[in-house]
Amino acid sequence: MVGQLRSVVLDCPDPSALASFYEELLGASRLDGGDETWVVIVAQGTRVAFQLAPEYRPPVFPDPAGSQQFHLDVLVDDIEVAEPQVLALGAKLVQRDNDDTFRVYSDPVGHPFCLVWLP
């Protein structure tokens, strides 16, 4: 082993606002010490950080010229209950037509993530 994973970090235009979205989505708690450029939450023992990127441009998904590079899978018990909740938080449905085990959404600034469930 070379090292241990410290945090997953997302670039964004407003770290506090995006951290609030993920706090609600994941039932996470915010760590003290953040500022307008860096906010950290902890979700089920994993640190997720939000870093200010003043020139932020959201990824395009689906993008026929490239991949999404990175996304989060969020396990839910019931997609029909979870989907309205995540949309109310500010997510957008991106893709529904798949194998009935996941749906693709984007967070309020365009990062893709999936709600997944077990068949």
PDB file of N, CA and C in Angstrom:
ATOM      1  N   MET A   1       0.850  -1.180   0.000  1.00  0.00           N
ATOM      2  CA  MET A   1       0.000   0.000   0.000  1.00  0.00           C
ATOM      3  C   MET A   1       0.889   1.235   0.000  1.00  0.00           C
ATOM      4  N   VAL A   2       0.545   2.181  -0.837  1.00  0.00           N
ATOM      5  CA  VAL A   2       1.274   3.443  -0.906  1.00  0.00           C
ATOM      6  C   VAL A   2       0.680   4.463   0.053  1.00  0.00           C
ATOM      7  N   GLY A   3      -0.617   4.507   0.142  1.00  0.00           N
ATOM      8  CA  GLY A   3      -1.267   5.491   0.998  1.00  0.00           C
ATOM      9  C   GLY A   3      -2.703   5.116   1.260  1.00  0.00           C
ATOM     10  N   GLN A   4      -3.386   5.939   2.029  1.00  0.00           N
ATOM     11  CA  GLN A   4      -4.784   5.727   2.361  1.00  0.00           C
ATOM     12  C   GLN A   4      -5.621   6.867   1.816  1.00  0.00           C
ATOM     13  N   LEU A   5      -6.804   6.541   1.350  1.00  0.00           N
ATOM     14  CA  LEU A   5      -7.714   7.556   0.833  1.00  0.00           C
ATOM     15  C   LEU A   5      -8.106   8.511   1.957  1.00  0.00           C
ATOM     16  N   ARG A   6      -7.884   9.785   1.750  1.00  0.00           N
ATOM     17  CA  ARG A   6      -8.233  10.801   2.746  1.00  0.00           C
ATOM     18  C   ARG A   6      -9.614  11.383   2.466  1.00  0.00           C
ATOM     19  N   SER A   7      -9.834  11.832   1.211  1.00  0.00           N
ATOM     20  CA  SER A   7     -11.089  12.486   0.855  1.00  0.00           C
ATOM     21  C   SER A   7     -11.378  12.288  -0.623  1.00  0.00           C
ATOM     22  N   VAL A   8     -12.640  12.330  -0.948  1.00  0.00           N
ATOM     23  CA  VAL A   8     -13.093  12.505  -2.324  1.00  0.00           C
ATOM     24  C   VAL A   8     -13.384  13.994  -2.435  1.00  0.00           C
ATOM     25  N   VAL A   9     -12.858  14.660  -3.461  1.00  0.00           N
ATOM     26  CA  VAL A   9     -12.971  16.116  -3.565  1.00  0.00           C
ATOM     27  C   VAL A   9     -13.691  16.495  -4.853  1.00  0.00           C
ATOM     28  N   LEU A  10     -14.689  17.363  -4.722  1.00  0.00           N
ATOM     29  CA  LEU A  10     -15.438  17.859  -5.877  1.00  0.00           C
ATOM     30  C   LEU A  10     -15.180  19.347  -6.046  1.00  0.00           C
ATOM     31  N   ASP A  11     -14.777  19.756  -7.247  1.00  0.00           N
ATOM     32  CA  ASP A  11     -14.675  21.174  -7.566  1.00  0.00           C
ATOM     33  C   ASP A  11     -16.084  21.729  -7.747  1.00  0.00           C
ATOM     34  N   CYS A  12     -16.278  23.003  -7.387  1.00  0.00           N
ATOM     35  CA  CYS A  12     -17.603  23.607  -7.520  1.00  0.00           C
ATOM     36  C   CYS A  12     -17.498  25.121  -7.365  1.00  0.00           C
ATOM     37  N   PRO A  13     -18.558  25.843  -7.748  1.00  0.00           N
ATOM     38  CA  PRO A  13     -18.528  27.299  -7.616  1.00  0.00           C
ATOM     39  C   PRO A  13     -18.867  27.801  -6.214  1.00  0.00           C
ATOM     40  N   ASP A  14     -19.540  26.983  -5.382  1.00  0.00           N
ATOM     41  CA  ASP A  14     -19.940  27.398  -4.035  1.00  0.00           C
ATOM     42  C   ASP A  14     -19.849  26.179  -3.107  1.00  0.00           C
ATOM     43  N   PRO A  15     -18.689  25.981  -2.455  1.00  0.00           N
ATOM     44  CA  PRO A  15     -18.497  24.788  -1.625  1.00  0.00           C
ATOM     45  C   PRO A  15     -19.556  24.590  -0.534  1.00  0.00           C
ATOM     46  N   SER A  16     -19.959  25.645   0.133  1.00  0.00           N
ATOM     47  CA  SER A  16     -20.930  25.502   1.209  1.00  0.00           C
ATOM     48  C   SER A  16     -22.278  25.024   0.683  1.00  0.00           C
ATOM     49  N   ALA A  17     -22.728  25.594  -0.410  1.00  0.00           N
ATOM     50  CA  ALA A  17     -24.026  25.211  -0.974  1.00  0.00           C
ATOM     51  C   ALA A  17     -24.017  23.766  -1.453  1.00  0.00           C
ATOM     52  N   LEU A  18     -22.955  23.352  -2.130  1.00  0.00           N
ATOM     53  CA  LEU A  18     -22.912  21.980  -2.627  1.00  0.00           C
ATOM     54  C   LEU A  18     -22.750  21.000  -1.466  1.00  0.00           C
ATOM     55  N   ALA A  19     -21.997  21.377  -0.443  1.00  0.00           N
ATOM     56  CA  ALA A  19     -21.883  20.527   0.745  1.00  0.00           C
ATOM     57  C   ALA A  19     -23.250  20.330   1.391  1.00  0.00           C
ATOM     58  N   SER A  20     -24.068  21.365   1.432  1.00  0.00           N
ATOM     59  CA  SER A  20     -25.416  21.246   1.996  1.00  0.00           C
ATOM     60  C   SER A  20     -26.256  20.243   1.223  1.00  0.00           C
ATOM     61  N   PHE A  21     -26.164  20.260  -0.098  1.00  0.00           N
ATOM     62  CA  PHE A  21     -26.884  19.291  -0.930  1.00  0.00           C
ATOM     63  C   PHE A  21     -26.485  17.868  -0.539  1.00  0.00           C
ATOM     64  N   TYR A  22     -25.179  17.605  -0.473  1.00  0.00           N
ATOM     65  CA  TYR A  22     -24.708  16.255  -0.165  1.00  0.00           C
ATOM     66  C   TYR A  22     -24.942  15.874   1.296  1.00  0.00           C
ATOM     67  N   GLU A  23     -24.974  16.845   2.202  1.00  0.00           N
ATOM     68  CA  GLU A  23     -25.330  16.537   3.589  1.00  0.00           C
ATOM     69  C   GLU A  23     -26.730  15.939   3.645  1.00  0.00           C
ATOM     70  N   GLU A  24     -27.655  16.554   2.926  1.00  0.00           N
ATOM     71  CA  GLU A  24     -29.037  16.069   2.899  1.00  0.00           C
ATOM     72  C   GLU A  24     -29.149  14.748   2.144  1.00  0.00           C
ATOM     73  N   LEU A  25     -28.487  14.640   1.006  1.00  0.00           N
ATOM     74  CA  LEU A  25     -28.556  13.429   0.195  1.00  0.00           C
ATOM     75  C   LEU A  25     -28.026  12.222   0.951  1.00  0.00           C
ATOM     76  N   LEU A  26     -26.904  12.395   1.635  1.00  0.00           N
ATOM     77  CA  LEU A  26     -26.205  11.267   2.253  1.00  0.00           C
ATOM     78  C   LEU A  26     -26.380  11.157   3.766  1.00  0.00           C
ATOM     79  N   GLY A  27     -27.106  12.098   4.372  1.00  0.00           N
ATOM     80  CA  GLY A  27     -27.217  12.084   5.826  1.00  0.00           C
ATOM     81  C   GLY A  27     -25.874  12.329   6.480  1.00  0.00           C
ATOM     82  N   ALA A  28     -25.089  13.200   5.885  1.00  0.00           N
ATOM     83  CA  ALA A  28     -23.720  13.464   6.326  1.00  0.00           C
ATOM     84  C   ALA A  28     -23.690  14.592   7.349  1.00  0.00           C
ATOM     85  N   SER A  29     -22.532  14.746   7.986  1.00  0.00           N
ATOM     86  CA  SER A  29     -22.326  15.863   8.906  1.00  0.00           C
ATOM     87  C   SER A  29     -21.124  16.676   8.437  1.00  0.00           C
ATOM     88  N   ARG A  30     -21.212  17.976   8.642  1.00  0.00           N
ATOM     89  CA  ARG A  30     -20.160  18.899   8.226  1.00  0.00           C
ATOM     90  C   ARG A  30     -19.089  19.006   9.305  1.00  0.00           C
ATOM     91  N   LEU A  31     -17.838  18.975   8.875  1.00  0.00           N
ATOM     92  CA  LEU A  31     -16.737  19.173   9.814  1.00  0.00           C
ATOM     93  C   LEU A  31     -16.510  20.662  10.034  1.00  0.00           C
ATOM     94  N   ASP A  32     -16.088  21.014  11.229  1.00  0.00           N
ATOM     95  CA  ASP A  32     -15.744  22.400  11.531  1.00  0.00           C
ATOM     96  C   ASP A  32     -14.465  22.780  10.798  1.00  0.00           C
ATOM     97  N   GLY A  33     -14.284  24.069  10.582  1.00  0.00           N
ATOM     98  CA  GLY A  33     -13.032  24.557  10.025  1.00  0.00           C
ATOM     99  C   GLY A  33     -13.081  24.901   8.553  1.00  0.00           C
ATOM    100  N   GLY A  34     -14.209  24.728   7.918  1.00  0.00           N
ATOM    101  CA  GLY A  34     -14.300  25.080   6.509  1.00  0.00           C
ATOM    102  C   GLY A  34     -14.386  26.581   6.323  1.00  0.00           C
ATOM    103  N   ASP A  35     -14.247  27.006   5.091  1.00  0.00           N
ATOM    104  CA  ASP A  35     -14.404  28.415   4.754  1.00  0.00           C
ATOM    105  C   ASP A  35     -15.042  28.498   3.376  1.00  0.00           C
ATOM    106  N   GLU A  36     -14.991  29.662   2.750  1.00  0.00           N
ATOM    107  CA  GLU A  36     -15.653  29.820   1.449  1.00  0.00           C
ATOM    108  C   GLU A  36     -14.944  29.074   0.320  1.00  0.00           C
ATOM    109  N   THR A  37     -13.750  28.537   0.594  1.00  0.00           N
ATOM    110  CA  THR A  37     -13.004  27.837  -0.456  1.00  0.00           C
ATOM    111  C   THR A  37     -12.934  26.327  -0.251  1.00  0.00           C
ATOM    112  N   TRP A  38     -13.307  25.840   0.941  1.00  0.00           N
ATOM    113  CA  TRP A  38     -13.110  24.416   1.251  1.00  0.00           C
ATOM    114  C   TRP A  38     -14.071  24.001   2.357  1.00  0.00           C
ATOM    115  N   VAL A  39     -14.918  23.001   2.081  1.00  0.00           N
ATOM    116  CA  VAL A  39     -15.849  22.461   3.074  1.00  0.00           C
ATOM    117  C   VAL A  39     -15.754  20.945   3.020  1.00  0.00           C
ATOM    118  N   VAL A  40     -15.772  20.306   4.199  1.00  0.00           N
ATOM    119  CA  VAL A  40     -15.694  18.845   4.277  1.00  0.00           C
ATOM    120  C   VAL A  40     -16.908  18.313   5.024  1.00  0.00           C
ATOM    121  N   ILE A  41     -17.502  17.247   4.473  1.00  0.00           N
ATOM    122  CA  ILE A  41     -18.543  16.510   5.166  1.00  0.00           C
ATOM    123  C   ILE A  41     -18.054  15.078   5.363  1.00  0.00           C
ATOM    124  N   VAL A  42     -18.687  14.379   6.288  1.00  0.00           N
ATOM    125  CA  VAL A  42     -18.381  12.962   6.509  1.00  0.00           C
ATOM    126  C   VAL A  42     -19.683  12.197   6.333  1.00  0.00           C
ATOM    127  N   ALA A  43     -19.650  11.249   5.399  1.00  0.00           N
ATOM    128  CA  ALA A  43     -20.812  10.421   5.088  1.00  0.00           C
ATOM    129  C   ALA A  43     -20.438   8.960   5.291  1.00  0.00           C
ATOM    130  N   GLN A  44     -21.051   8.321   6.259  1.00  0.00           N
ATOM    131  CA  GLN A  44     -20.782   6.915   6.565  1.00  0.00           C
ATOM    132  C   GLN A  44     -19.280   6.645   6.675  1.00  0.00           C
ATOM    133  N   GLY A  45     -18.560   7.547   7.329  1.00  0.00           N
ATOM    134  CA  GLY A  45     -17.136   7.384   7.564  1.00  0.00           C
ATOM    135  C   GLY A  45     -16.230   7.861   6.443  1.00  0.00           C
ATOM    136  N   THR A  46     -16.789   8.322   5.334  1.00  0.00           N
ATOM    137  CA  THR A  46     -15.994   8.794   4.199  1.00  0.00           C
ATOM    138  C   THR A  46     -16.044  10.316   4.131  1.00  0.00           C
ATOM    139  N   ARG A  47     -14.868  10.917   3.998  1.00  0.00           N
ATOM    140  CA  ARG A  47     -14.782  12.373   3.844  1.00  0.00           C
ATOM    141  C   ARG A  47     -15.058  12.751   2.388  1.00  0.00           C
ATOM    142  N   VAL A  48     -15.971  13.691   2.202  1.00  0.00           N
ATOM    143  CA  VAL A  48     -16.234  14.261   0.888  1.00  0.00           C
ATOM    144  C   VAL A  48     -15.994  15.760   1.033  1.00  0.00           C
ATOM    145  N   ALA A  49     -15.086  16.292   0.222  1.00  0.00           N
ATOM    146  CA  ALA A  49     -14.725  17.700   0.331  1.00  0.00           C
ATOM    147  C   ALA A  49     -15.196  18.456  -0.912  1.00  0.00           C
ATOM    148  N   PHE A  50     -15.457  19.727  -0.720  1.00  0.00           N
ATOM    149  CA  PHE A  50     -15.935  20.603  -1.787  1.00  0.00           C
ATOM    150  C   PHE A  50     -14.977  21.783  -1.858  1.00  0.00           C
ATOM    151  N   GLN A  51     -14.379  21.947  -3.028  1.00  0.00           N
ATOM    152  CA  GLN A  51     -13.300  22.905  -3.234  1.00  0.00           C
ATOM    153  C   GLN A  51     -13.747  23.983  -4.217  1.00  0.00           C
ATOM    154  N   LEU A  52     -13.497  25.233  -3.871  1.00  0.00           N
ATOM    155  CA  LEU A  52     -13.856  26.342  -4.746  1.00  0.00           C
ATOM    156  C   LEU A  52     -13.078  26.271  -6.055  1.00  0.00           C
ATOM    157  N   ALA A  53     -13.810  26.352  -7.149  1.00  0.00           N
ATOM    158  CA  ALA A  53     -13.219  26.414  -8.491  1.00  0.00           C
ATOM    159  C   ALA A  53     -13.900  27.587  -9.198  1.00  0.00           C
ATOM    160  N   PRO A  54     -13.302  28.785  -9.138  1.00  0.00           N
ATOM    161  CA  PRO A  54     -13.959  29.971  -9.688  1.00  0.00           C
ATOM    162  C   PRO A  54     -14.332  29.852 -11.170  1.00  0.00           C
ATOM    163  N   GLU A  55     -13.577  29.103 -11.921  1.00  0.00           N
ATOM    164  CA  GLU A  55     -13.856  28.936 -13.353  1.00  0.00           C
ATOM    165  C   GLU A  55     -14.550  27.599 -13.632  1.00  0.00           C
ATOM    166  N   TYR A  56     -15.272  27.076 -12.646  1.00  0.00           N
ATOM    167  CA  TYR A  56     -15.913  25.767 -12.751  1.00  0.00           C
ATOM    168  C   TYR A  56     -16.823  25.669 -13.974  1.00  0.00           C
ATOM    169  N   ARG A  57     -16.672  24.569 -14.690  1.00  0.00           N
ATOM    170  CA  ARG A  57     -17.583  24.219 -15.786  1.00  0.00           C
ATOM    171  C   ARG A  57     -18.066  22.801 -15.524  1.00  0.00           C
ATOM    172  N   PRO A  58     -19.382  22.587 -15.498  1.00  0.00           N
ATOM    173  CA  PRO A  58     -19.884  21.247 -15.184  1.00  0.00           C
ATOM    174  C   PRO A  58     -19.557  20.253 -16.285  1.00  0.00           C
ATOM    175  N   PRO A  59     -19.400  18.973 -15.898  1.00  0.00           N
ATOM    176  CA  PRO A  59     -19.189  17.949 -16.914  1.00  0.00           C
ATOM    177  C   PRO A  59     -20.450  17.786 -17.756  1.00  0.00           C
ATOM    178  N   VAL A  60     -20.291  17.270 -18.950  1.00  0.00           N
ATOM    179  CA  VAL A  60     -21.418  16.991 -19.835  1.00  0.00           C
ATOM    180  C   VAL A  60     -21.673  15.491 -19.783  1.00  0.00           C
ATOM    181  N   PHE A  61     -22.906  15.110 -19.480  1.00  0.00           N
ATOM    182  CA  PHE A  61     -23.266  13.701 -19.467  1.00  0.00           C
ATOM    183  C   PHE A  61     -24.664  13.541 -20.023  1.00  0.00           C
ATOM    184  N   PRO A  62     -24.886  12.616 -20.911  1.00  0.00           N
ATOM    185  CA  PRO A  62     -23.837  11.833 -21.574  1.00  0.00           C
ATOM    186  C   PRO A  62     -23.101  12.674 -22.601  1.00  0.00           C
ATOM    187  N   ASP A  63     -21.831  12.403 -22.769  1.00  0.00           N
ATOM    188  CA  ASP A  63     -20.998  13.123 -23.718  1.00  0.00           C
ATOM    189  C   ASP A  63     -20.432  12.123 -24.720  1.00  0.00           C
ATOM    190  N   PRO A  64     -20.884  12.163 -25.958  1.00  0.00           N
ATOM    191  CA  PRO A  64     -20.398  11.190 -26.942  1.00  0.00           C
ATOM    192  C   PRO A  64     -18.908  11.329 -27.231  1.00  0.00           C
ATOM    193  N   ALA A  65     -18.312  12.467 -26.882  1.00  0.00           N
ATOM    194  CA  ALA A  65     -16.888  12.677 -27.154  1.00  0.00           C
ATOM    195  C   ALA A  65     -15.995  12.241 -25.997  1.00  0.00           C
ATOM    196  N   GLY A  66     -16.577  11.869 -24.865  1.00  0.00           N
ATOM    197  CA  GLY A  66     -15.749  11.490 -23.727  1.00  0.00           C
ATOM    198  C   GLY A  66     -16.576  10.878 -22.621  1.00  0.00           C
ATOM    199  N   SER A  67     -15.919  10.476 -21.570  1.00  0.00           N
ATOM    200  CA  SER A  67     -16.610   9.849 -20.445  1.00  0.00           C
ATOM    201  C   SER A  67     -16.884  10.865 -19.352  1.00  0.00           C
ATOM    202  N   GLN A  68     -17.642  10.447 -18.353  1.00  0.00           N
ATOM    203  CA  GLN A  68     -17.929  11.336 -17.227  1.00  0.00           C
ATOM    204  C   GLN A  68     -16.770  11.398 -16.241  1.00  0.00           C
ATOM    205  N   GLN A  69     -15.771  10.537 -16.401  1.00  0.00           N
ATOM    206  CA  GLN A  69     -14.559  10.518 -15.600  1.00  0.00           C
ATOM    207  C   GLN A  69     -14.756  10.010 -14.180  1.00  0.00           C
ATOM    208  N   PHE A  70     -15.793  10.446 -13.490  1.00  0.00           N
ATOM    209  CA  PHE A  70     -15.947  10.125 -12.082  1.00  0.00           C
ATOM    210  C   PHE A  70     -17.384  10.395 -11.683  1.00  0.00           C
ATOM    211  N   HIS A  71     -17.960   9.526 -10.866  1.00  0.00           N
ATOM    212  CA  HIS A  71     -19.283   9.795 -10.311  1.00  0.00           C
ATOM    213  C   HIS A  71     -19.468   8.996  -9.026  1.00  0.00           C
ATOM    214  N   LEU A  72     -20.477   9.351  -8.261  1.00  0.00           N
ATOM    215  CA  LEU A  72     -20.809   8.652  -7.029  1.00  0.00           C
ATOM    216  C   LEU A  72     -22.031   7.772  -7.254  1.00  0.00           C
ATOM    217  N   ASP A  73     -22.040   6.572  -6.678  1.00  0.00           N
ATOM    218  CA  ASP A  73     -23.214   5.712  -6.638  1.00  0.00           C
ATOM    219  C   ASP A  73     -23.777   5.783  -5.228  1.00  0.00           C
ATOM    220  N   VAL A  74     -25.059   6.114  -5.114  1.00  0.00           N
ATOM    221  CA  VAL A  74     -25.724   6.238  -3.820  1.00  0.00           C
ATOM    222  C   VAL A  74     -26.785   5.150  -3.734  1.00  0.00           C
ATOM    223  N   LEU A  75     -26.605   4.208  -2.805  1.00  0.00           N
ATOM    224  CA  LEU A  75     -27.523   3.086  -2.635  1.00  0.00           C
ATOM    225  C   LEU A  75     -28.783   3.554  -1.920  1.00  0.00           C
ATOM    226  N   VAL A  76     -29.949   3.228  -2.502  1.00  0.00           N
ATOM    227  CA  VAL A  76     -31.240   3.569  -1.893  1.00  0.00           C
ATOM    228  C   VAL A  76     -32.080   2.297  -1.761  1.00  0.00           C
ATOM    229  N   ASP A  77     -33.014   2.314  -0.813  1.00  0.00           N
ATOM    230  CA  ASP A  77     -33.903   1.168  -0.629  1.00  0.00           C
ATOM    231  C   ASP A  77     -34.997   1.125  -1.685  1.00  0.00           C
ATOM    232  N   ASP A  78     -35.568   2.295  -2.007  1.00  0.00           N
ATOM    233  CA  ASP A  78     -36.712   2.358  -2.920  1.00  0.00           C
ATOM    234  C   ASP A  78     -36.550   3.584  -3.817  1.00  0.00           C
ATOM    235  N   ILE A  79     -36.317   3.353  -5.087  1.00  0.00           N
ATOM    236  CA  ILE A  79     -36.095   4.460  -6.025  1.00  0.00           C
ATOM    237  C   ILE A  79     -37.310   5.369  -6.135  1.00  0.00           C
ATOM    238  N   GLU A  80     -38.497   4.816  -6.002  1.00  0.00           N
ATOM    239  CA  GLU A  80     -39.710   5.635  -6.145  1.00  0.00           C
ATOM    240  C   GLU A  80     -39.893   6.581  -4.961  1.00  0.00           C
ATOM    241  N   VAL A  81     -39.312   6.263  -3.840  1.00  0.00           N
ATOM    242  CA  VAL A  81     -39.314   7.159  -2.681  1.00  0.00           C
ATOM    243  C   VAL A  81     -38.129   8.123  -2.778  1.00  0.00           C
ATOM    244  N   ALA A  82     -36.967   7.602  -3.156  1.00  0.00           N
ATOM    245  CA  ALA A  82     -35.741   8.405  -3.178  1.00  0.00           C
ATOM    246  C   ALA A  82     -35.742   9.460  -4.279  1.00  0.00           C
ATOM    247  N   GLU A  83     -36.276   9.126  -5.456  1.00  0.00           N
ATOM    248  CA  GLU A  83     -36.196  10.078  -6.566  1.00  0.00           C
ATOM    249  C   GLU A  83     -36.872  11.417  -6.260  1.00  0.00           C
ATOM    250  N   PRO A  84     -38.107  11.455  -5.773  1.00  0.00           N
ATOM    251  CA  PRO A  84     -38.690  12.769  -5.466  1.00  0.00           C
ATOM    252  C   PRO A  84     -37.908  13.533  -4.407  1.00  0.00           C
ATOM    253  N   GLN A  85     -37.322  12.806  -3.459  1.00  0.00           N
ATOM    254  CA  GLN A  85     -36.539  13.469  -2.416  1.00  0.00           C
ATOM    255  C   GLN A  85     -35.299  14.133  -2.994  1.00  0.00           C
ATOM    256  N   VAL A  86     -34.579  13.421  -3.863  1.00  0.00           N
ATOM    257  CA  VAL A  86     -33.345  13.970  -4.422  1.00  0.00           C
ATOM    258  C   VAL A  86     -33.651  15.124  -5.385  1.00  0.00           C
ATOM    259  N   LEU A  87     -34.761  15.026  -6.107  1.00  0.00           N
ATOM    260  CA  LEU A  87     -35.148  16.133  -7.002  1.00  0.00           C
ATOM    261  C   LEU A  87     -35.514  17.378  -6.184  1.00  0.00           C
ATOM    262  N   ALA A  88     -36.158  17.173  -5.038  1.00  0.00           N
ATOM    263  CA  ALA A  88     -36.518  18.307  -4.177  1.00  0.00           C
ATOM    264  C   ALA A  88     -35.281  18.996  -3.601  1.00  0.00           C
ATOM    265  N   LEU A  89     -34.181  18.248  -3.459  1.00  0.00           N
ATOM    266  CA  LEU A  89     -32.930  18.842  -2.969  1.00  0.00           C
ATOM    267  C   LEU A  89     -32.229  19.680  -4.034  1.00  0.00           C
ATOM    268  N   GLY A  90     -32.635  19.528  -5.295  1.00  0.00           N
ATOM    269  CA  GLY A  90     -32.009  20.301  -6.361  1.00  0.00           C
ATOM    270  C   GLY A  90     -31.319  19.480  -7.428  1.00  0.00           C
ATOM    271  N   ALA A  91     -31.382  18.154  -7.317  1.00  0.00           N
ATOM    272  CA  ALA A  91     -30.794  17.301  -8.359  1.00  0.00           C
ATOM    273  C   ALA A  91     -31.667  17.338  -9.604  1.00  0.00           C
ATOM    274  N   LYS A  92     -31.067  16.929 -10.716  1.00  0.00           N
ATOM    275  CA  LYS A  92     -31.802  16.825 -11.982  1.00  0.00           C
ATOM    276  C   LYS A  92     -31.660  15.405 -12.507  1.00  0.00           C
ATOM    277  N   LEU A  93     -32.765  14.839 -12.991  1.00  0.00           N
ATOM    278  CA  LEU A  93     -32.718  13.528 -13.620  1.00  0.00           C
ATOM    279  C   LEU A  93     -32.044  13.670 -14.977  1.00  0.00           C
ATOM    280  N   VAL A  94     -31.031  12.838 -15.237  1.00  0.00           N
ATOM    281  CA  VAL A  94     -30.282  12.898 -16.487  1.00  0.00           C
ATOM    282  C   VAL A  94     -30.638  11.721 -17.390  1.00  0.00           C
ATOM    283  N   GLN A  95     -30.737  10.533 -16.801  1.00  0.00           N
ATOM    284  CA  GLN A  95     -30.966   9.342 -17.617  1.00  0.00           C
ATOM    285  C   GLN A  95     -31.726   8.301 -16.820  1.00  0.00           C
ATOM    286  N   ARG A  96     -32.830   7.857 -17.386  1.00  0.00           N
ATOM    287  CA  ARG A  96     -33.660   6.856 -16.726  1.00  0.00           C
ATOM    288  C   ARG A  96     -33.604   5.528 -17.468  1.00  0.00           C
ATOM    289  N   ASP A  97     -33.333   5.530 -18.735  1.00  0.00           N
ATOM    290  CA  ASP A  97     -33.392   4.320 -19.563  1.00  0.00           C
ATOM    291  C   ASP A  97     -32.144   3.466 -19.386  1.00  0.00           C
ATOM    292  N   ASN A  98     -32.234   2.494 -18.493  1.00  0.00           N
ATOM    293  CA  ASN A  98     -31.106   1.615 -18.206  1.00  0.00           C
ATOM    294  C   ASN A  98     -31.632   0.248 -17.809  1.00  0.00           C
ATOM    295  N   ASP A  99     -30.886  -0.509 -17.067  1.00  0.00           N
ATOM    296  CA  ASP A  99     -31.273  -1.887 -16.744  1.00  0.00           C
ATOM    297  C   ASP A  99     -32.113  -2.009 -15.469  1.00  0.00           C
ATOM    298  N   ASP A 100     -32.765  -0.950 -15.046  1.00  0.00           N
ATOM    299  CA  ASP A 100     -33.627  -0.949 -13.861  1.00  0.00           C
ATOM    300  C   ASP A 100     -32.903  -1.263 -12.557  1.00  0.00           C
ATOM    301  N   THR A 101     -31.640  -0.887 -12.465  1.00  0.00           N
ATOM    302  CA  THR A 101     -30.924  -0.979 -11.191  1.00  0.00           C
ATOM    303  C   THR A 101     -30.269   0.350 -10.820  1.00  0.00           C
ATOM    304  N   PHE A 102     -30.362   1.352 -11.693  1.00  0.00           N
ATOM    305  CA  PHE A 102     -29.808   2.666 -11.379  1.00  0.00           C
ATOM    306  C   PHE A 102     -30.447   3.730 -12.257  1.00  0.00           C
ATOM    307  N   ARG A 103     -30.392   4.969 -11.783  1.00  0.00           N
ATOM    308  CA  ARG A 103     -30.791   6.146 -12.565  1.00  0.00           C
ATOM    309  C   ARG A 103     -29.705   7.193 -12.371  1.00  0.00           C
ATOM    310  N   VAL A 104     -29.457   7.967 -13.418  1.00  0.00           N
ATOM    311  CA  VAL A 104     -28.394   8.971 -13.396  1.00  0.00           C
ATOM    312  C   VAL A 104     -29.008  10.350 -13.151  1.00  0.00           C
ATOM    313  N   TYR A 105     -28.384  11.091 -12.258  1.00  0.00           N
ATOM    314  CA  TYR A 105     -28.804  12.451 -11.906  1.00  0.00           C
ATOM    315  C   TYR A 105     -27.585  13.361 -11.968  1.00  0.00           C
ATOM    316  N   SER A 106     -27.832  14.655 -11.893  1.00  0.00           N
ATOM    317  CA  SER A 106     -26.727  15.592 -11.680  1.00  0.00           C
ATOM    318  C   SER A 106     -27.035  16.388 -10.423  1.00  0.00           C
ATOM    319  N   ASP A 107     -25.982  16.727  -9.685  1.00  0.00           N
ATOM    320  CA  ASP A 107     -26.173  17.559  -8.502  1.00  0.00           C
ATOM    321  C   ASP A 107     -26.443  18.995  -8.960  1.00  0.00           C
ATOM    322  N   PRO A 108     -26.684  19.924  -8.052  1.00  0.00           N
ATOM    323  CA  PRO A 108     -27.041  21.283  -8.465  1.00  0.00           C
ATOM    324  C   PRO A 108     -26.020  22.003  -9.350  1.00  0.00           C
ATOM    325  N   VAL A 109     -24.760  21.557  -9.365  1.00  0.00           N
ATOM    326  CA  VAL A 109     -23.781  22.207 -10.240  1.00  0.00           C
ATOM    327  C   VAL A 109     -23.321  21.300 -11.378  1.00  0.00           C
ATOM    328  N   GLY A 110     -23.994  20.160 -11.565  1.00  0.00           N
ATOM    329  CA  GLY A 110     -23.752  19.350 -12.750  1.00  0.00           C
ATOM    330  C   GLY A 110     -22.930  18.088 -12.593  1.00  0.00           C
ATOM    331  N   HIS A 111     -22.412  17.770 -11.397  1.00  0.00           N
ATOM    332  CA  HIS A 111     -21.677  16.514 -11.228  1.00  0.00           C
ATOM    333  C   HIS A 111     -22.658  15.352 -11.343  1.00  0.00           C
ATOM    334  N   PRO A 112     -22.361  14.350 -12.156  1.00  0.00           N
ATOM    335  CA  PRO A 112     -23.264  13.204 -12.239  1.00  0.00           C
ATOM    336  C   PRO A 112     -23.139  12.303 -11.015  1.00  0.00           C
ATOM    337  N   PHE A 113     -24.255  11.712 -10.632  1.00  0.00           N
ATOM    338  CA  PHE A 113     -24.262  10.659  -9.611  1.00  0.00           C
ATOM    339  C   PHE A 113     -25.432   9.742  -9.926  1.00  0.00           C
ATOM    340  N   CYS A 114     -25.383   8.546  -9.385  1.00  0.00           N
ATOM    341  CA  CYS A 114     -26.444   7.575  -9.641  1.00  0.00           C
ATOM    342  C   CYS A 114     -27.137   7.206  -8.334  1.00  0.00           C
ATOM    343  N   LEU A 115     -28.429   7.027  -8.395  1.00  0.00           N
ATOM    344  CA  LEU A 115     -29.142   6.330  -7.345  1.00  0.00           C
ATOM    345  C   LEU A 115     -29.212   4.884  -7.810  1.00  0.00           C
ATOM    346  N   VAL A 116     -28.761   3.973  -6.969  1.00  0.00           N
ATOM    347  CA  VAL A 116     -28.738   2.551  -7.302  1.00  0.00           C
ATOM    348  C   VAL A 116     -29.550   1.784  -6.257  1.00  0.00           C
ATOM    349  N   TRP A 117     -30.103   0.674  -6.685  1.00  0.00           N
ATOM    350  CA  TRP A 117     -30.863  -0.174  -5.782  1.00  0.00           C
ATOM    351  C   TRP A 117     -30.680  -1.618  -6.188  1.00  0.00           C
ATOM    352  N   LEU A 118     -30.919  -2.486  -5.229  1.00  0.00           N
ATOM    353  CA  LEU A 118     -30.771  -3.913  -5.480  1.00  0.00           C
ATOM    354  C   LEU A 118     -32.087  -4.466  -6.012  1.00  0.00           C
ATOM    355  N   PRO A 119     -32.019  -5.300  -7.052  1.00  0.00           N
ATOM    356  CA  PRO A 119     -33.269  -5.849  -7.635  1.00  0.00           C
ATOM    357  C   PRO A 119     -33.933  -6.845  -6.703  1.00  0.00           C
TER     358      PRO A 119
END
